[in-house]
Protein backbone atom coordinates (compact mmCIF):
# COMPACT_ATOMS: atom_id res chain seq x y z
CA MET A 1 0.22 -0.01 0.51
CA TRP A 2 2.67 2.36 0.90
CA GLU A 3 4.77 1.77 -1.84
CA LEU A 4 1.42 2.80 -4.25
CA GLU A 5 0.76 5.94 -2.35
CA ALA A 6 4.91 6.66 -3.04
CA ILE A 7 4.27 6.00 -6.87
CA LEU A 8 1.39 8.38 -7.13
CA GLU A 9 3.03 10.73 -4.57
CA GLY A 10 5.98 10.91 -7.30
CA LEU A 11 3.39 11.34 -10.23
CA ALA A 12 1.88 14.13 -8.38
CA LEU A 13 5.57 16.14 -7.62
CA ARG A 14 6.18 15.15 -11.69
CA GLU A 15 3.08 16.88 -12.59
CA LEU A 16 3.72 19.72 -10.25
CA ASP A 17 7.81 19.97 -11.72
CA LYS A 18 5.69 20.34 -15.69
CA GLN A 19 3.50 23.10 -14.25
CA GLU A 20 6.25 24.53 -12.80
CA GLN A 21 8.76 24.30 -16.05
CA SER A 22 6.02 25.46 -18.00
CA ALA A 23 5.26 28.99 -16.07
CA ILE A 24 9.16 29.22 -16.23
CA PHE A 25 8.94 29.32 -19.70
CA GLY A 26 6.38 31.29 -20.27
CA PHE A 27 7.74 34.28 -17.78
CA ASN A 28 11.22 33.52 -20.04
CA MET A 29 9.18 34.11 -22.98
CA ARG A 30 7.35 37.33 -22.15
CA TYR A 31 10.66 38.84 -21.51
CA ILE A 32 12.39 38.09 -24.77
CA MET A 33 9.07 39.35 -26.68
CA ASN A 34 8.82 42.56 -24.17
CA ALA A 35 12.79 43.21 -24.05
CA LYS A 36 14.36 45.72 -26.76
CA LYS A 37 17.85 43.95 -26.40
CA PRO A 38 16.67 40.72 -24.34
CA GLN A 39 20.08 39.37 -22.81
CA MET A 40 21.01 35.20 -22.10
CA LYS A 41 22.50 35.98 -19.05
CA LYS A 42 19.40 37.48 -17.52
CA ILE A 43 17.38 34.10 -18.19
CA ILE A 44 20.02 31.97 -17.25
CA ASN A 45 23.56 31.91 -16.38
CA LYS A 46 25.11 28.77 -17.28
CA GLN A 47 28.65 29.29 -16.73
CA ALA A 48 27.86 30.57 -13.08
CA ILE A 49 25.36 27.67 -12.64
CA GLU A 50 28.28 25.23 -13.67
CA SER A 51 30.49 26.40 -11.67
CA ARG A 52 28.04 26.31 -8.81
CA ILE A 53 27.09 22.65 -9.43
CA LYS A 54 31.32 21.71 -10.04
CA LYS A 55 32.24 23.61 -7.03
CA ALA A 56 29.50 21.59 -4.87
CA PHE A 57 30.82 18.45 -5.84
CA ASP A 58 34.43 19.24 -5.78
CA ARG A 59 36.31 17.37 -3.20
CA THR A 60 39.65 19.03 -3.51
CA ILE A 61 38.80 22.53 -2.54
CA GLU A 62 37.66 22.70 1.55
CA THR A 63 34.97 25.25 2.38
CA LYS A 64 35.25 27.38 5.38
CA LYS A 65 33.25 25.54 7.24
CA ASP A 66 35.75 22.78 7.19
CA LYS A 67 38.61 25.31 7.88
CA ARG A 68 36.47 26.77 10.43
CA LEU A 69 35.48 22.96 11.51
CA SER A 70 39.54 22.09 11.26
CA LYS A 71 40.55 25.06 13.58
CA ALA A 72 37.98 23.89 15.90
CA LEU A 73 39.29 21.40 16.66
CA ASP A 74 43.14 21.78 16.62
CA ALA A 75 42.28 24.35 19.42
CA LEU A 76 40.29 21.82 21.26
CA GLU A 77 43.29 19.48 20.85
CA TYR A 78 45.53 21.96 21.51
CA PHE A 79 43.28 22.60 24.96
CA LYS A 80 43.19 19.37 25.76
CA ASN A 81 46.43 17.84 26.28
CA ARG A 82 47.81 21.40 27.51
CA ARG A 83 47.48 20.82 31.85
């Protein structure tokens, strides 16, 4: 029973995503038709999105939180051994 409910919920969410994509397409079309000089960056900035995705999945770069966490752990280790 719960598997069927999960499938139905997924189908409903997919339909909602389709509606959202149609609305986005409509707004983008409206912008292109009404703008004197439409710019692609106002619709979608592919380079920025690609760099964000690559940055999110890149394992070599430490984020600020990781640096902050490592510094905090180093400080705890320093004060733990200090007696």
